[in-house]
Structures are given as C-alpha cells and as structure tokens.
C-alpha cells in the first residue's frame, strides 16, 4: 500500500472509532482489552496520535520515550474525550498529509521511508482500536478491505514479531503458515528459541509448516491481533501453533 492509502485509512477509521466510542459511552467495557473502559481507549489512542504527530512534525530524530502524560499535559474530562480524540486525530492526519516525502525522523519498524512507516503504523494502530471501540459498542467489527487486512498481517508478522526483543518463542521450533484467500498474502513464520523469522511463503514450502491458517485477509488480521476468534479461519495440522502465537503476541502500541 502507498502512503496516501494508509493516510486515507487512518482518516476513515478515526472517524469510525469516534462514532463507536460515542455510541458506547466512556464507561463501557472494552471486551478485547479487559482492563480498559472506553475512556482508557480514547486516552490511549488520543495520546499515541499526539506522540506520533510530535515525532513527525518535530521532526524528532531520536527515540521519544516519554509517558503519554508528558505528551498530553492535561487530560480532558470524560465528556470531552471524543472531541479531544478527534482533534488529535485530525492533527495527525494533517501532519502526515503535509509531511515532506523525504522526511527524516525516528522510526522503530522497517519501512521504505520514515513517512511510510508512520503512516502505516498509525493507520493500523487506529484500525485495531476502531475494532475495540465497535466491540465496546456491542457491534461486530466492520470488516477491512482485503488489501488493508493483508497489509496489517504483513506489518505484524514481518515487522513487529521479528524484532529482537519480541516474546514469541517455541522449543522445539515451530513453523506457522498464514495465507489470505481473497488477496495476495502468504507468509511462513519460523518460531524458535531466538529471533522469529518471517518470509513470504514460496510455493515449494507450502506443505512444510507445522500449522497452516488461511482465511479472508480481514479475518486473519483481526484474529492475529486477538480482536476476534479463529472460527472463520481454516486451520490445518497442529492448531496449537496458532494458539501459541495468539497467547504470546500482545503488541502494546
């Protein structure tokens, strides 16, 4: 996906998130984040948006490792949270839209450019939390378009879990194949006692995985992020490998 496609997705899902949060109410529980009410969800995503905006517009070339309290300053009252979120969301969309394509700033995931990383990361940050808001409102999360869902799977398995300090481990080593059935997307994840390795799955490796999971890109994306169950997916061979992934991969960004 291109930078502008990620920005467009960020824009659309931010609007949907705000509407779902308003419908749920600030005190509603967020089933997919058991320790959170909607107020916590809005504070988190609103703070992250402001943090990302600060890095892009700085631009900050060194890691900005601060608590969201420091980024935000004064938190709004519950009744103002949806509007406050909307303001931060709009500022982030504007910052990314207006950024120079050659922007040089700090990043933490592999990407073609810093602007591409931040647009992609914030698009998926917002998309997953939009699903949280819809679940809090008692709704089934709105399905994502196939290209975006596949892109989200790729970011998770090719960028997040392959970082050196990731927690996904298996002894003895296990392999997990993930395959989208409605768009291009096929990955082989090698899980061992050290760093996880993910490659695009070549045809000759298709039958070698300990577990193969296939489904619509949106369903695969939401299931791997633990925002829905795996009942819509086809799981072949050893399903405990998928269970291992879902138990150990808990991204907190």
Protein backbone atom coordinates (compact mmCIF):
# COMPACT_ATOMS: atom_id res chain seq x y z
CA UNK A 1 0.00 0.00 0.00
CA UNK A 2 1.09 3.57 -0.67
CA UNK A 3 1.49 6.31 1.92
CA UNK A 4 -1.66 8.12 0.83
CA UNK A 5 -3.68 4.91 1.09
CA UNK A 6 -2.54 4.50 4.68
CA UNK A 7 -3.41 8.12 5.46
CA UNK A 8 -6.86 7.66 3.93
CA UNK A 9 -7.41 4.53 6.03
CA UNK A 10 -6.24 6.41 9.15
CA UNK A 11 -8.71 9.19 8.40
CA UNK A 12 -11.67 6.86 7.84
CA UNK A 13 -11.04 4.58 10.82
CA UNK A 14 -10.51 7.51 13.16
CA UNK A 15 -13.97 8.82 12.28
CA UNK A 16 -15.48 5.37 12.80
CA UNK A 17 -13.65 4.99 16.11
CA UNK A 18 -15.05 8.27 17.42
CA UNK A 19 -18.60 7.35 16.38
CA UNK A 20 -18.41 3.92 18.01
CA UNK A 21 -16.90 5.34 21.21
CA UNK A 22 -19.65 7.95 21.43
CA UNK A 23 -22.29 5.25 20.94
CA UNK A 24 -20.73 3.02 23.62
CA UNK A 25 -20.17 5.75 26.22
CA UNK A 26 -16.97 6.45 28.14
CA UNK A 27 -17.71 3.94 30.91
CA UNK A 28 -18.42 0.96 28.65
CA UNK A 29 -16.06 -2.00 28.96
CA UNK A 30 -13.78 -2.86 26.03
CA UNK A 31 -14.06 -6.68 25.71
CA UNK A 32 -10.87 -7.03 23.65
CA UNK A 33 -8.86 -5.03 26.23
CA UNK A 34 -10.17 -6.36 29.55
CA UNK A 35 -8.51 -3.71 31.72
CA UNK A 36 -9.96 -0.82 29.72
CA UNK A 37 -13.16 1.16 29.56
CA UNK A 38 -13.80 3.34 26.52
CA UNK A 39 -12.29 6.34 28.35
CA UNK A 40 -8.99 4.42 28.58
CA UNK A 41 -9.16 3.51 24.91
CA UNK A 42 -9.72 7.15 23.91
CA UNK A 43 -6.93 8.38 26.16
CA UNK A 44 -4.53 5.79 24.78
CA UNK A 45 -5.20 6.34 21.08
CA UNK A 46 -5.54 10.11 21.51
CA UNK A 47 -2.20 10.20 23.32
CA UNK A 48 -0.50 7.97 20.75
CA UNK A 49 -1.74 10.19 17.93
CA UNK A 50 -0.26 13.24 19.64
CA UNK A 51 3.01 11.36 20.28
CA UNK A 52 3.28 10.36 16.62
CA UNK A 53 2.44 13.90 15.49
CA UNK A 54 5.21 15.25 17.71
CA UNK A 55 7.75 12.91 16.13
CA UNK A 56 6.71 13.69 12.56
CA UNK A 57 6.38 17.44 12.96
CA UNK A 58 9.46 17.90 15.16
CA UNK A 59 10.91 16.18 13.38
CA UNK A 60 12.44 14.12 16.15
CA UNK A 61 15.39 12.06 15.02
CA UNK A 62 15.96 10.30 18.36
CA UNK A 63 13.54 8.00 20.21
CA UNK A 64 10.91 9.99 22.10
CA UNK A 65 10.49 7.68 25.07
CA UNK A 66 8.00 9.53 27.23
CA UNK A 67 4.85 8.69 29.12
CA UNK A 68 1.67 9.80 27.40
CA UNK A 69 1.07 12.03 30.44
CA UNK A 70 4.07 14.08 29.33
CA UNK A 71 2.86 14.22 25.74
CA UNK A 72 -0.69 15.24 26.59
CA UNK A 73 -0.15 17.52 29.59
CA UNK A 74 -3.69 17.88 30.96
CA UNK A 75 -6.17 15.10 30.23
CA UNK A 76 -9.72 16.12 29.27
CA UNK A 77 -12.83 15.34 31.26
CA UNK A 78 -14.76 12.25 30.20
CA UNK A 79 -17.46 14.31 28.50
CA UNK A 80 -14.84 15.92 26.25
CA UNK A 81 -12.87 12.80 25.34
CA UNK A 82 -14.46 12.08 21.96
CA UNK A 83 -13.93 15.65 20.75
CA UNK A 84 -10.39 15.66 22.18
CA UNK A 85 -9.62 12.43 20.36
CA UNK A 86 -10.99 13.94 17.14
CA UNK A 87 -8.73 16.95 17.44
CA UNK A 88 -5.61 14.83 17.88
CA UNK A 89 -6.66 12.52 15.06
CA UNK A 90 -7.19 15.44 12.69
CA UNK A 91 -3.80 16.90 13.62
CA UNK A 92 -2.06 13.59 12.88
CA UNK A 93 -3.80 13.21 9.51
CA UNK A 94 -2.76 16.77 8.63
CA UNK A 95 0.84 16.20 9.78
CA UNK A 96 1.22 13.09 7.64
CA UNK A 97 -0.53 14.64 4.66
CA UNK A 98 1.66 17.75 4.74
CA UNK A 99 4.94 15.97 5.52
CA UNK A 100 7.78 16.08 3.02
CA UNK A 101 8.18 12.64 1.35
CA UNK A 102 11.85 12.89 2.29
CA UNK A 103 11.03 13.38 5.98
CA UNK A 104 13.86 12.25 8.26
CA UNK A 105 12.69 11.22 11.73
CA UNK A 106 12.97 8.36 14.21
CA UNK A 107 11.27 5.07 13.32
CA UNK A 108 11.04 1.69 15.03
CA UNK A 109 9.80 -0.66 12.28
CA UNK A 110 11.24 -1.47 8.87
CA UNK A 111 9.69 0.58 6.04
CA UNK A 112 10.65 2.20 2.72
CA UNK A 113 10.83 5.62 4.42
CA UNK A 114 10.08 7.27 7.77
CA UNK A 115 6.88 8.79 6.35
CA UNK A 116 5.79 5.38 5.07
CA UNK A 117 6.42 3.80 8.48
CA UNK A 118 4.46 6.38 10.44
CA UNK A 119 1.54 6.43 8.01
CA UNK A 120 1.32 2.64 8.04
CA UNK A 121 1.80 2.25 11.79
CA UNK A 122 -0.79 4.87 12.71
CA UNK A 123 -3.26 3.52 10.17
CA UNK A 124 -3.11 0.08 11.78
CA UNK A 125 -2.95 1.44 15.34
CA UNK A 126 -6.18 3.29 14.65
CA UNK A 127 -7.80 0.42 12.74
CA UNK A 128 -7.33 -2.09 15.55
CA UNK A 129 -8.57 0.36 18.16
CA UNK A 130 -11.54 1.19 15.94
CA UNK A 131 -12.40 -2.51 16.21
CA UNK A 132 -12.06 -2.19 20.00
CA UNK A 133 -14.50 0.72 20.05
CA UNK A 134 -17.01 -1.19 17.94
CA UNK A 135 -16.77 -4.19 20.26
CA UNK A 136 -17.36 -1.87 23.23
CA UNK A 137 -20.48 -0.61 21.48
CA UNK A 138 -21.73 -4.18 21.13
CA UNK A 139 -21.04 -4.38 17.41
CA UNK A 140 -19.18 -6.87 15.27
CA UNK A 141 -16.10 -5.03 13.94
CA UNK A 142 -16.60 -3.70 10.44
CA UNK A 143 -14.59 -5.82 8.01
CA UNK A 144 -11.48 -4.30 6.48
CA UNK A 145 -10.78 -4.23 2.77
CA UNK A 146 -8.65 -7.18 1.68
CA UNK A 147 -5.53 -5.18 0.74
CA UNK A 148 -5.55 -3.33 4.07
CA UNK A 149 -6.15 -6.52 6.05
CA UNK A 150 -3.26 -8.26 4.30
CA UNK A 151 -1.06 -5.22 4.88
CA UNK A 152 -1.89 -5.38 8.58
CA UNK A 153 -0.96 -9.05 8.75
CA UNK A 154 2.31 -8.26 6.98
CA UNK A 155 3.17 -5.43 9.38
CA UNK A 156 2.53 -7.70 12.36
CA UNK A 157 4.40 -10.79 11.18
CA UNK A 158 7.17 -9.18 9.12
CA UNK A 159 7.93 -6.13 11.30
CA UNK A 160 6.64 -6.45 14.86
CA UNK A 161 7.31 -10.05 15.82
CA UNK A 162 10.70 -10.23 14.09
CA UNK A 163 12.23 -7.56 16.34
CA UNK A 164 14.98 -8.86 18.61
CA UNK A 165 13.12 -8.23 21.86
CA UNK A 166 9.91 -9.95 20.79
CA UNK A 167 8.44 -12.56 23.14
CA UNK A 168 7.27 -15.17 20.63
CA UNK A 169 9.35 -18.31 21.27
CA UNK A 170 9.00 -22.08 20.82
CA UNK A 171 11.15 -25.01 21.88
CA UNK A 172 11.22 -27.18 19.85
CA UNK A 173 10.96 -24.75 16.91
CA UNK A 174 7.61 -24.49 15.10
CA UNK A 175 6.51 -23.07 11.77
CA UNK A 176 3.25 -21.27 11.01
CA UNK A 177 1.97 -20.55 7.53
CA UNK A 178 -0.55 -17.72 7.17
CA UNK A 179 -2.43 -17.34 3.90
CA UNK A 180 -5.05 -14.88 2.66
CA UNK A 181 -7.71 -16.44 0.46
CA UNK A 182 -9.07 -13.22 -1.06
CA UNK A 183 -5.91 -11.31 -1.95
CA UNK A 184 -2.16 -11.74 -2.22
CA UNK A 185 -0.67 -12.64 1.13
CA UNK A 186 1.23 -15.77 2.14
CA UNK A 187 3.80 -15.87 4.97
CA UNK A 188 5.90 -18.52 6.65
CA UNK A 189 6.71 -17.71 10.28
CA UNK A 190 9.59 -19.65 11.87
CA UNK A 191 9.36 -19.62 15.66
CA UNK A 192 12.28 -20.93 17.71
CA UNK A 193 14.27 -20.08 20.80
CA UNK A 194 15.69 -16.89 19.28
CA UNK A 195 14.54 -14.20 16.92
CA UNK A 196 11.45 -15.00 14.84
CA UNK A 197 11.98 -15.18 11.08
CA UNK A 198 9.17 -14.40 8.63
CA UNK A 199 9.39 -14.84 4.87
CA UNK A 200 6.95 -14.66 2.03
CA UNK A 201 6.00 -18.30 1.62
CA UNK A 202 7.41 -19.80 -1.60
CA UNK A 203 5.33 -22.46 -3.29
CA UNK A 204 7.87 -25.19 -2.50
CA UNK A 205 7.48 -24.53 1.25
CA UNK A 206 3.68 -24.61 1.20
CA UNK A 207 3.33 -28.07 2.71
CA UNK A 208 6.15 -27.85 5.24
CA UNK A 209 4.57 -25.77 8.01
CA UNK A 210 3.55 -27.35 11.30
CA UNK A 211 0.33 -25.35 11.11
CA UNK A 212 -1.36 -23.62 8.18
CA UNK A 213 -4.01 -20.96 8.75
CA UNK A 214 -5.99 -19.45 5.88
CA UNK A 215 -8.93 -17.11 5.56
CA UNK A 216 -10.13 -13.73 4.41
CA UNK A 217 -7.49 -11.07 5.00
CA UNK A 218 -9.72 -9.10 7.36
CA UNK A 219 -10.47 -12.19 9.47
CA UNK A 220 -6.81 -13.19 9.59
CA UNK A 221 -5.82 -9.64 10.60
CA UNK A 222 -8.38 -9.37 13.40
CA UNK A 223 -7.70 -12.88 14.71
CA UNK A 224 -3.93 -12.41 14.86
CA UNK A 225 -4.48 -9.16 16.77
CA UNK A 226 -6.85 -11.05 19.13
CA UNK A 227 -9.84 -8.91 18.16
CA UNK A 228 -11.95 -11.86 17.05
CA UNK A 229 -11.87 -15.64 17.32
CA UNK A 230 -10.47 -18.07 14.80
CA UNK A 231 -13.77 -19.73 13.89
CA UNK A 232 -13.83 -18.04 10.47
CA UNK A 233 -10.37 -19.38 9.62
CA UNK A 234 -9.31 -22.73 8.21
CA UNK A 235 -6.70 -24.32 10.49
CA UNK A 236 -4.78 -27.34 9.23
CA UNK A 237 -2.38 -29.66 11.02
CA UNK A 238 -1.28 -28.56 14.52
CA UNK A 239 -3.58 -25.77 15.70
CA UNK A 240 -1.59 -25.36 18.92
CA UNK A 241 0.96 -23.33 16.92
CA UNK A 242 -1.70 -20.69 16.24
CA UNK A 243 -2.68 -20.82 19.92
CA UNK A 244 0.96 -20.20 20.83
CA UNK A 245 1.08 -17.17 18.53
CA UNK A 246 -2.11 -15.66 19.92
CA UNK A 247 -1.05 -16.22 23.52
CA UNK A 248 2.43 -14.73 23.16
CA UNK A 249 1.93 -11.91 20.67
CA UNK A 250 0.46 -8.99 22.60
CA UNK A 251 1.55 -5.75 20.95
CA UNK A 252 1.23 -2.79 23.30
CA UNK A 253 1.47 0.22 20.98
